[in-house]
């Protein structure tokens, strides 16, 4: 049977992708950030996942204010890097797993989560930057990826509790898939940041590190955090952190923390990263 073996969280700052693409990773500004992912690259090279369920938010590349699903799953065979205004990132195409994606869709919808099925869409930095951080710059991504898009752009976003429960539904779906697959779930976005208004540039180290700790050891309690607290403490874009709860809901109640990393700044954002393994 398929099994979820581990979860990863990471920020998906677009400037990180630009630093990789332009060969700036060893520059004084960027080197400390990329050093925090050296262990991660070794770890994932040893884990060799077959499929990653990659939870991210689209940034008006596949969806827009005209159509914004709360939860969507990519069921296609391939997904191209999106042109976000300056050309697509020079990264490999993303290869999906339609059979597992279709099974997940059926299972999760039968559990009363109304997933939108997307057979064709381009994927932006929200999905490709995490892949670059973990895998570097290969000629092809070494595993298949199922995109799971969450609306944290257009009001109202889903609650942390709903995201946590979606993770549990994904776990049940994967557990019931008739195939021998090593599956990981990644939650991306965050941490504290705000891109506009009087609080632009906000970074809240205390909140971020408390969030990391609670995500590992008190996910049930953390899932109850209301939207207003994310906004007040982590900035308007800090709401992306609810996507990390999808990952955590898909894991065991008790997990083994393999790696934790926190760094500021990366562009105007705090970067957080966790690797958790099911016990």
C-alpha atoms as a PDB file:
ATOM      1  CA  UNK A   1       0.000   0.000   0.000  1.00  0.00           C
ATOM      2  CA  UNK A   2       1.014   3.624  -0.402  1.00  0.00           C
ATOM      3  CA  UNK A   3       2.306   5.332   2.716  1.00  0.00           C
ATOM      4  CA  UNK A   4       3.062   8.871   3.818  1.00  0.00           C
ATOM      5  CA  UNK A   5       6.526   8.724   5.331  1.00  0.00           C
ATOM      6  CA  UNK A   6       7.440  12.351   5.918  1.00  0.00           C
ATOM      7  CA  UNK A   7       6.414  15.975   5.718  1.00  0.00           C
ATOM      8  CA  UNK A   8       8.319  19.089   4.732  1.00  0.00           C
ATOM      9  CA  UNK A   9       7.519  22.743   5.265  1.00  0.00           C
ATOM     10  CA  UNK A  10       9.306  25.599   3.592  1.00  0.00           C
ATOM     11  CA  UNK A  11       8.783  29.168   2.520  1.00  0.00           C
ATOM     12  CA  UNK A  12       8.468  29.751  -1.219  1.00  0.00           C
ATOM     13  CA  UNK A  13       9.821  33.289  -1.612  1.00  0.00           C
ATOM     14  CA  UNK A  14      10.073  34.170  -5.348  1.00  0.00           C
ATOM     15  CA  UNK A  15      13.405  35.951  -4.819  1.00  0.00           C
ATOM     16  CA  UNK A  16      14.884  32.614  -3.695  1.00  0.00           C
ATOM     17  CA  UNK A  17      14.058  31.181  -7.096  1.00  0.00           C
ATOM     18  CA  UNK A  18      15.686  34.156  -8.792  1.00  0.00           C
ATOM     19  CA  UNK A  19      18.824  33.735  -6.665  1.00  0.00           C
ATOM     20  CA  UNK A  20      19.070  30.083  -7.744  1.00  0.00           C
ATOM     21  CA  UNK A  21      18.359  30.805 -11.406  1.00  0.00           C
ATOM     22  CA  UNK A  22      20.885  33.672 -11.563  1.00  0.00           C
ATOM     23  CA  UNK A  23      23.667  31.818  -9.736  1.00  0.00           C
ATOM     24  CA  UNK A  24      23.623  34.018  -6.633  1.00  0.00           C
ATOM     25  CA  UNK A  25      23.323  31.312  -3.974  1.00  0.00           C
ATOM     26  CA  UNK A  26      26.884  31.839  -2.683  1.00  0.00           C
ATOM     27  CA  UNK A  27      26.630  35.615  -2.450  1.00  0.00           C
ATOM     28  CA  UNK A  28      27.009  37.034   1.058  1.00  0.00           C
ATOM     29  CA  UNK A  29      23.307  37.885   1.328  1.00  0.00           C
ATOM     30  CA  UNK A  30      21.994  34.497   0.174  1.00  0.00           C
ATOM     31  CA  UNK A  31      24.597  31.987   1.387  1.00  0.00           C
ATOM     32  CA  UNK A  32      23.257  31.673   4.978  1.00  0.00           C
ATOM     33  CA  UNK A  33      19.798  30.835   3.675  1.00  0.00           C
ATOM     34  CA  UNK A  34      20.932  28.113   1.286  1.00  0.00           C
ATOM     35  CA  UNK A  35      23.213  26.640   3.944  1.00  0.00           C
ATOM     36  CA  UNK A  36      20.050  25.833   5.909  1.00  0.00           C
ATOM     37  CA  UNK A  37      18.949  23.466   3.143  1.00  0.00           C
ATOM     38  CA  UNK A  38      22.193  21.499   2.775  1.00  0.00           C
ATOM     39  CA  UNK A  39      21.008  18.816   5.207  1.00  0.00           C
ATOM     40  CA  UNK A  40      17.636  18.762   3.442  1.00  0.00           C
ATOM     41  CA  UNK A  41      19.194  17.901   0.091  1.00  0.00           C
ATOM     42  CA  UNK A  42      21.134  15.021   1.628  1.00  0.00           C
ATOM     43  CA  UNK A  43      18.062  13.797   3.490  1.00  0.00           C
ATOM     44  CA  UNK A  44      15.748  13.754   0.487  1.00  0.00           C
ATOM     45  CA  UNK A  45      18.437  12.062  -1.582  1.00  0.00           C
ATOM     46  CA  UNK A  46      18.305   9.214   0.923  1.00  0.00           C
ATOM     47  CA  UNK A  47      14.502   9.168   1.238  1.00  0.00           C
ATOM     48  CA  UNK A  48      13.804   9.007  -2.506  1.00  0.00           C
ATOM     49  CA  UNK A  49      10.060   9.759  -2.456  1.00  0.00           C
ATOM     50  CA  UNK A  50       7.989   8.438  -5.336  1.00  0.00           C
ATOM     51  CA  UNK A  51       5.377  11.185  -5.099  1.00  0.00           C
ATOM     52  CA  UNK A  52       5.114  14.540  -3.329  1.00  0.00           C
ATOM     53  CA  UNK A  53       1.742  16.068  -2.499  1.00  0.00           C
ATOM     54  CA  UNK A  54       2.832  19.690  -2.692  1.00  0.00           C
ATOM     55  CA  UNK A  55       0.507  22.143  -0.979  1.00  0.00           C
ATOM     56  CA  UNK A  56       0.991  25.705  -2.187  1.00  0.00           C
ATOM     57  CA  UNK A  57      -0.932  28.786  -3.246  1.00  0.00           C
ATOM     58  CA  UNK A  58      -1.185  30.007  -6.799  1.00  0.00           C
ATOM     59  CA  UNK A  59      -0.195  33.658  -7.355  1.00  0.00           C
ATOM     60  CA  UNK A  60      -2.605  34.533 -10.190  1.00  0.00           C
ATOM     61  CA  UNK A  61      -0.837  32.210 -12.636  1.00  0.00           C
ATOM     62  CA  UNK A  62      -3.427  29.427 -12.924  1.00  0.00           C
ATOM     63  CA  UNK A  63      -6.301  31.150 -11.112  1.00  0.00           C
ATOM     64  CA  UNK A  64      -7.490  34.736 -10.734  1.00  0.00           C
ATOM     65  CA  UNK A  65     -10.175  36.806  -9.033  1.00  0.00           C
ATOM     66  CA  UNK A  66     -12.521  35.484 -11.723  1.00  0.00           C
ATOM     67  CA  UNK A  67     -12.061  31.893 -10.517  1.00  0.00           C
ATOM     68  CA  UNK A  68     -10.480  30.997  -7.178  1.00  0.00           C
ATOM     69  CA  UNK A  69     -11.169  27.528  -5.744  1.00  0.00           C
ATOM     70  CA  UNK A  70     -10.630  27.071  -2.021  1.00  0.00           C
ATOM     71  CA  UNK A  71      -8.928  23.704  -2.580  1.00  0.00           C
ATOM     72  CA  UNK A  72      -7.782  22.317  -5.942  1.00  0.00           C
ATOM     73  CA  UNK A  73      -5.811  19.253  -6.993  1.00  0.00           C
ATOM     74  CA  UNK A  74      -3.753  18.879 -10.150  1.00  0.00           C
ATOM     75  CA  UNK A  75      -4.824  15.655 -11.847  1.00  0.00           C
ATOM     76  CA  UNK A  76      -2.895  16.087 -15.103  1.00  0.00           C
ATOM     77  CA  UNK A  77       0.143  14.236 -16.392  1.00  0.00           C
ATOM     78  CA  UNK A  78       2.403  17.300 -16.628  1.00  0.00           C
ATOM     79  CA  UNK A  79       2.507  20.894 -15.409  1.00  0.00           C
ATOM     80  CA  UNK A  80       4.650  23.581 -17.006  1.00  0.00           C
ATOM     81  CA  UNK A  81       6.482  26.326 -15.056  1.00  0.00           C
ATOM     82  CA  UNK A  82       4.373  29.479 -15.220  1.00  0.00           C
ATOM     83  CA  UNK A  83       5.359  32.762 -16.837  1.00  0.00           C
ATOM     84  CA  UNK A  84       4.885  35.179 -13.936  1.00  0.00           C
ATOM     85  CA  UNK A  85       5.702  38.259 -15.988  1.00  0.00           C
ATOM     86  CA  UNK A  86       9.401  37.753 -16.699  1.00  0.00           C
ATOM     87  CA  UNK A  87       9.323  34.363 -18.408  1.00  0.00           C
ATOM     88  CA  UNK A  88       9.030  30.880 -16.900  1.00  0.00           C
ATOM     89  CA  UNK A  89      11.708  29.774 -14.433  1.00  0.00           C
ATOM     90  CA  UNK A  90      14.377  27.626 -16.138  1.00  0.00           C
ATOM     91  CA  UNK A  91      13.364  24.502 -14.239  1.00  0.00           C
ATOM     92  CA  UNK A  92      12.076  21.115 -15.412  1.00  0.00           C
ATOM     93  CA  UNK A  93       8.428  20.473 -16.127  1.00  0.00           C
ATOM     94  CA  UNK A  94       6.539  18.953 -13.215  1.00  0.00           C
ATOM     95  CA  UNK A  95       5.368  15.391 -13.842  1.00  0.00           C
ATOM     96  CA  UNK A  96       2.151  14.462 -12.075  1.00  0.00           C
ATOM     97  CA  UNK A  97       0.675  11.148 -10.953  1.00  0.00           C
ATOM     98  CA  UNK A  98      -2.839  11.097 -12.438  1.00  0.00           C
ATOM     99  CA  UNK A  99      -3.745   7.694 -10.996  1.00  0.00           C
ATOM    100  CA  UNK A 100      -2.988   8.656  -7.400  1.00  0.00           C
ATOM    101  CA  UNK A 101      -4.436  12.151  -7.901  1.00  0.00           C
ATOM    102  CA  UNK A 102      -7.727  10.697  -9.174  1.00  0.00           C
ATOM    103  CA  UNK A 103      -7.862   8.304  -6.230  1.00  0.00           C
ATOM    104  CA  UNK A 104      -7.192  11.154  -3.786  1.00  0.00           C
ATOM    105  CA  UNK A 105      -9.880  13.284  -5.415  1.00  0.00           C
ATOM    106  CA  UNK A 106     -12.487  10.539  -5.142  1.00  0.00           C
ATOM    107  CA  UNK A 107     -11.524   9.674  -1.572  1.00  0.00           C
ATOM    108  CA  UNK A 108     -11.336  13.243  -0.291  1.00  0.00           C
ATOM    109  CA  UNK A 109     -14.517  14.387  -2.027  1.00  0.00           C
ATOM    110  CA  UNK A 110     -16.307  11.392  -0.511  1.00  0.00           C
ATOM    111  CA  UNK A 111     -15.055  12.699   2.843  1.00  0.00           C
ATOM    112  CA  UNK A 112     -16.943  15.961   2.126  1.00  0.00           C
ATOM    113  CA  UNK A 113     -14.014  18.094   0.936  1.00  0.00           C
ATOM    114  CA  UNK A 114     -15.027  19.762  -2.309  1.00  0.00           C
ATOM    115  CA  UNK A 115     -11.772  19.636  -4.264  1.00  0.00           C
ATOM    116  CA  UNK A 116     -11.633  21.311  -7.659  1.00  0.00           C
ATOM    117  CA  UNK A 117     -10.069  18.984 -10.234  1.00  0.00           C
ATOM    118  CA  UNK A 118      -7.574  20.698 -12.523  1.00  0.00           C
ATOM    119  CA  UNK A 119      -6.361  18.708 -15.513  1.00  0.00           C
ATOM    120  CA  UNK A 120      -4.271  21.486 -17.014  1.00  0.00           C
ATOM    121  CA  UNK A 121      -2.524  24.378 -15.294  1.00  0.00           C
ATOM    122  CA  UNK A 122       0.852  26.050 -15.077  1.00  0.00           C
ATOM    123  CA  UNK A 123       2.604  26.050 -11.699  1.00  0.00           C
ATOM    124  CA  UNK A 124       4.346  29.129 -10.350  1.00  0.00           C
ATOM    125  CA  UNK A 125       7.088  29.844  -7.804  1.00  0.00           C
ATOM    126  CA  UNK A 126       4.850  28.659  -4.967  1.00  0.00           C
ATOM    127  CA  UNK A 127       5.491  25.123  -6.192  1.00  0.00           C
ATOM    128  CA  UNK A 128       8.797  25.325  -8.061  1.00  0.00           C
ATOM    129  CA  UNK A 129      10.864  27.200  -5.437  1.00  0.00           C
ATOM    130  CA  UNK A 130      10.366  24.466  -2.788  1.00  0.00           C
ATOM    131  CA  UNK A 131      11.410  21.851  -5.342  1.00  0.00           C
ATOM    132  CA  UNK A 132      14.555  23.850  -6.149  1.00  0.00           C
ATOM    133  CA  UNK A 133      15.422  24.275  -2.464  1.00  0.00           C
ATOM    134  CA  UNK A 134      15.168  20.553  -1.814  1.00  0.00           C
ATOM    135  CA  UNK A 135      16.473  19.089  -5.094  1.00  0.00           C
ATOM    136  CA  UNK A 136      18.766  21.762  -6.486  1.00  0.00           C
ATOM    137  CA  UNK A 137      18.957  22.130 -10.269  1.00  0.00           C
ATOM    138  CA  UNK A 138      18.465  18.677 -11.820  1.00  0.00           C
ATOM    139  CA  UNK A 139      17.702  18.043 -15.465  1.00  0.00           C
ATOM    140  CA  UNK A 140      14.409  16.484 -14.358  1.00  0.00           C
ATOM    141  CA  UNK A 141      12.670  16.421 -10.978  1.00  0.00           C
ATOM    142  CA  UNK A 142      13.492  13.036  -9.401  1.00  0.00           C
ATOM    143  CA  UNK A 143       9.916  12.230  -8.380  1.00  0.00           C
ATOM    144  CA  UNK A 144       6.340  12.889  -9.370  1.00  0.00           C
ATOM    145  CA  UNK A 145       4.429  15.812  -7.885  1.00  0.00           C
ATOM    146  CA  UNK A 146       0.715  16.304  -7.291  1.00  0.00           C
ATOM    147  CA  UNK A 147      -0.064  20.029  -6.886  1.00  0.00           C
ATOM    148  CA  UNK A 148      -2.627  20.889  -4.217  1.00  0.00           C
ATOM    149  CA  UNK A 149      -3.542  24.571  -4.401  1.00  0.00           C
ATOM    150  CA  UNK A 150      -5.105  26.403  -1.454  1.00  0.00           C
ATOM    151  CA  UNK A 151      -6.664  29.844  -1.706  1.00  0.00           C
ATOM    152  CA  UNK A 152      -4.894  32.195   0.696  1.00  0.00           C
ATOM    153  CA  UNK A 153      -5.055  35.140  -1.709  1.00  0.00           C
ATOM    154  CA  UNK A 154      -8.720  36.078  -2.055  1.00  0.00           C
ATOM    155  CA  UNK A 155     -10.940  36.503   1.014  1.00  0.00           C
ATOM    156  CA  UNK A 156     -12.135  34.282   2.629  1.00  0.00           C
ATOM    157  CA  UNK A 157      -9.329  31.718   2.965  1.00  0.00           C
ATOM    158  CA  UNK A 158      -9.977  28.373   4.661  1.00  0.00           C
ATOM    159  CA  UNK A 159      -9.399  28.114   8.384  1.00  0.00           C
ATOM    160  CA  UNK A 160      -6.369  26.420   9.865  1.00  0.00           C
ATOM    161  CA  UNK A 161      -8.712  23.794  11.265  1.00  0.00           C
ATOM    162  CA  UNK A 162     -10.147  23.028   7.832  1.00  0.00           C
ATOM    163  CA  UNK A 163      -6.633  22.708   6.406  1.00  0.00           C
ATOM    164  CA  UNK A 164      -5.594  20.390   9.236  1.00  0.00           C
ATOM    165  CA  UNK A 165      -8.623  18.193   8.589  1.00  0.00           C
ATOM    166  CA  UNK A 166      -7.850  18.175   4.860  1.00  0.00           C
ATOM    167  CA  UNK A 167      -4.443  16.770   5.745  1.00  0.00           C
ATOM    168  CA  UNK A 168      -6.101  13.956   7.660  1.00  0.00           C
ATOM    169  CA  UNK A 169      -8.375  13.250   4.692  1.00  0.00           C
ATOM    170  CA  UNK A 170      -5.329  13.123   2.406  1.00  0.00           C
ATOM    171  CA  UNK A 171      -3.702  10.641   4.775  1.00  0.00           C
ATOM    172  CA  UNK A 172      -6.722   8.339   4.620  1.00  0.00           C
ATOM    173  CA  UNK A 173      -6.774   8.632   0.837  1.00  0.00           C
ATOM    174  CA  UNK A 174      -3.113   7.710   0.441  1.00  0.00           C
ATOM    175  CA  UNK A 175      -3.405   4.866   2.947  1.00  0.00           C
ATOM    176  CA  UNK A 176      -6.189   3.345   0.845  1.00  0.00           C
ATOM    177  CA  UNK A 177      -4.339   3.536  -2.486  1.00  0.00           C
ATOM    178  CA  UNK A 178      -3.476   0.122  -3.920  1.00  0.00           C
ATOM    179  CA  UNK A 179       0.115   0.742  -4.912  1.00  0.00           C
ATOM    180  CA  UNK A 180       3.534   0.626  -3.286  1.00  0.00           C
ATOM    181  CA  UNK A 181       4.463   4.315  -3.096  1.00  0.00           C
ATOM    182  CA  UNK A 182       6.651   6.372  -0.779  1.00  0.00           C
ATOM    183  CA  UNK A 183       4.686   9.613  -0.457  1.00  0.00           C
ATOM    184  CA  UNK A 184       5.649  12.890   1.172  1.00  0.00           C
ATOM    185  CA  UNK A 185       3.419  15.882   1.908  1.00  0.00           C
ATOM    186  CA  UNK A 186       4.874  19.387   1.717  1.00  0.00           C
ATOM    187  CA  UNK A 187       3.292  22.547   3.095  1.00  0.00           C
ATOM    188  CA  UNK A 188       4.696  25.772   1.649  1.00  0.00           C
ATOM    189  CA  UNK A 189       4.440  29.538   2.039  1.00  0.00           C
ATOM    190  CA  UNK A 190       5.013  31.919   4.929  1.00  0.00           C
ATOM    191  CA  UNK A 191       6.412  32.703   7.390  1.00  0.00           C
ATOM    192  CA  UNK A 192       5.575  36.171   8.725  1.00  0.00           C
ATOM    193  CA  UNK A 193       5.505  38.804   6.016  1.00  0.00           C
ATOM    194  CA  UNK A 194       3.432  41.637   4.651  1.00  0.00           C
ATOM    195  CA  UNK A 195       3.913  43.049   1.177  1.00  0.00           C
ATOM    196  CA  UNK A 196       1.901  46.266   1.319  1.00  0.00           C
ATOM    197  CA  UNK A 197       0.582  49.043   3.526  1.00  0.00           C
ATOM    198  CA  UNK A 198       2.056  50.638   6.672  1.00  0.00           C
ATOM    199  CA  UNK A 199       3.277  47.249   7.980  1.00  0.00           C
ATOM    200  CA  UNK A 200       5.077  46.241   4.771  1.00  0.00           C
ATOM    201  CA  UNK A 201       8.239  44.348   5.690  1.00  0.00           C
ATOM    202  CA  UNK A 202       6.814  43.005   8.966  1.00  0.00           C
ATOM    203  CA  UNK A 203       8.737  40.067  10.420  1.00  0.00           C
ATOM    204  CA  UNK A 204       7.735  38.532  13.757  1.00  0.00           C
ATOM    205  CA  UNK A 205      10.478  36.160  14.912  1.00  0.00           C
ATOM    206  CA  UNK A 206       8.760  35.264  18.171  1.00  0.00           C
ATOM    207  CA  UNK A 207       5.526  34.279  16.439  1.00  0.00           C
ATOM    208  CA  UNK A 208       7.343  32.336  13.722  1.00  0.00           C
ATOM    209  CA  UNK A 209       9.414  30.254  16.112  1.00  0.00           C
ATOM    210  CA  UNK A 210       6.420  29.567  18.324  1.00  0.00           C
ATOM    211  CA  UNK A 211       4.523  28.430  15.232  1.00  0.00           C
ATOM    212  CA  UNK A 212       7.328  26.013  14.324  1.00  0.00           C
ATOM    213  CA  UNK A 213       7.334  24.563  17.827  1.00  0.00           C
ATOM    214  CA  UNK A 214       3.570  24.157  17.997  1.00  0.00           C
ATOM    215  CA  UNK A 215       3.375  22.674  14.510  1.00  0.00           C
ATOM    216  CA  UNK A 216       5.611  19.846  15.713  1.00  0.00           C
ATOM    217  CA  UNK A 217       4.216  19.336  19.206  1.00  0.00           C
ATOM    218  CA  UNK A 218       0.737  20.910  19.378  1.00  0.00           C
ATOM    219  CA  UNK A 219      -0.812  20.834  15.892  1.00  0.00           C
ATOM    220  CA  UNK A 220      -4.300  20.252  17.258  1.00  0.00           C
ATOM    221  CA  UNK A 221      -4.160  23.426  19.328  1.00  0.00           C
ATOM    222  CA  UNK A 222      -2.423  25.371  16.587  1.00  0.00           C
ATOM    223  CA  UNK A 223      -5.178  24.463  14.135  1.00  0.00           C
ATOM    224  CA  UNK A 224      -7.615  26.510  16.247  1.00  0.00           C
ATOM    225  CA  UNK A 225      -5.771  29.795  15.640  1.00  0.00           C
ATOM    226  CA  UNK A 226      -8.219  32.282  14.061  1.00  0.00           C
ATOM    227  CA  UNK A 227      -7.503  34.269  10.908  1.00  0.00           C
ATOM    228  CA  UNK A 228      -7.293  37.538  12.823  1.00  0.00           C
ATOM    229  CA  UNK A 229      -4.330  36.251  14.839  1.00  0.00           C
ATOM    230  CA  UNK A 230      -2.423  35.314  11.693  1.00  0.00           C
ATOM    231  CA  UNK A 231      -3.104  38.783  10.316  1.00  0.00           C
ATOM    232  CA  UNK A 232      -2.184  40.613  13.521  1.00  0.00           C
ATOM    233  CA  UNK A 233       0.948  38.635  14.374  1.00  0.00           C
ATOM    234  CA  UNK A 234       2.274  37.426  10.994  1.00  0.00           C
ATOM    235  CA  UNK A 235       1.072  40.076   8.545  1.00  0.00           C
ATOM    236  CA  UNK A 236      -1.404  39.859   5.700  1.00  0.00           C
ATOM    237  CA  UNK A 237       0.606  37.227   3.816  1.00  0.00           C
ATOM    238  CA  UNK A 238       1.293  35.236   6.979  1.00  0.00           C
ATOM    239  CA  UNK A 239      -2.030  33.499   6.379  1.00  0.00           C
ATOM    240  CA  UNK A 240      -0.085  31.228   3.996  1.00  0.00           C
ATOM    241  CA  UNK A 241       0.928  29.303   7.108  1.00  0.00           C
ATOM    242  CA  UNK A 242      -2.440  27.526   7.197  1.00  0.00           C
ATOM    243  CA  UNK A 243      -1.058  25.415   4.341  1.00  0.00           C
ATOM    244  CA  UNK A 244       1.560  23.982   6.686  1.00  0.00           C
ATOM    245  CA  UNK A 245      -1.316  22.515   8.697  1.00  0.00           C
ATOM    246  CA  UNK A 246      -2.365  20.422   5.690  1.00  0.00           C
ATOM    247  CA  UNK A 247       1.046  18.768   5.834  1.00  0.00           C
ATOM    248  CA  UNK A 248       0.884  18.275   9.586  1.00  0.00           C
ATOM    249  CA  UNK A 249      -2.582  16.775   9.464  1.00  0.00           C
ATOM    250  CA  UNK A 250      -1.311  14.122   7.054  1.00  0.00           C
ATOM    251  CA  UNK A 251       1.332  12.884   9.507  1.00  0.00           C
ATOM    252  CA  UNK A 252       1.167  10.858  12.706  1.00  0.00           C
ATOM    253  CA  UNK A 253       0.186  12.623  15.922  1.00  0.00           C
ATOM    254  CA  UNK A 254       3.741  12.095  17.151  1.00  0.00           C
ATOM    255  CA  UNK A 255       6.526  12.727  14.677  1.00  0.00           C
ATOM    256  CA  UNK A 256      10.312  12.750  14.608  1.00  0.00           C
ATOM    257  CA  UNK A 257      11.781  16.164  13.881  1.00  0.00           C
ATOM    258  CA  UNK A 258      14.782  15.703  11.603  1.00  0.00           C
ATOM    259  CA  UNK A 259      15.602  19.319  10.779  1.00  0.00           C
ATOM    260  CA  UNK A 260      14.526  22.839  11.709  1.00  0.00           C
ATOM    261  CA  UNK A 261      15.750  26.059  10.129  1.00  0.00           C
ATOM    262  CA  UNK A 262      14.753  29.710  10.455  1.00  0.00           C
ATOM    263  CA  UNK A 263      16.326  32.690   8.726  1.00  0.00           C
ATOM    264  CA  UNK A 264      15.641  36.382   8.158  1.00  0.00           C
ATOM    265  CA  UNK A 265      15.566  38.128   5.892  1.00  0.00           C
ATOM    266  CA  UNK A 266      15.089  36.628   2.465  1.00  0.00           C
ATOM    267  CA  UNK A 267      13.871  39.532   0.396  1.00  0.00           C
ATOM    268  CA  UNK A 268      11.298  41.010   2.813  1.00  0.00           C
ATOM    269  CA  UNK A 269      10.263  37.710   4.356  1.00  0.00           C
ATOM    270  CA  UNK A 270      11.070  35.318   7.189  1.00  0.00           C
ATOM    271  CA  UNK A 271      11.992  31.831   5.960  1.00  0.00           C
ATOM    272  CA  UNK A 272      11.071  28.741   7.957  1.00  0.00           C
ATOM    273  CA  UNK A 273      11.738  25.087   7.206  1.00  0.00           C
ATOM    274  CA  UNK A 274      10.944  21.767   8.896  1.00  0.00           C
ATOM    275  CA  UNK A 275      11.473  18.113   8.055  1.00  0.00           C
ATOM    276  CA  UNK A 276       9.271  15.706  10.007  1.00  0.00           C
ATOM    277  CA  UNK A 277       9.172  11.929   9.747  1.00  0.00           C
ATOM    278  CA  UNK A 278       6.398   9.594  10.769  1.00  0.00           C
ATOM    279  CA  UNK A 279       7.490   7.460  13.671  1.00  0.00           C
END
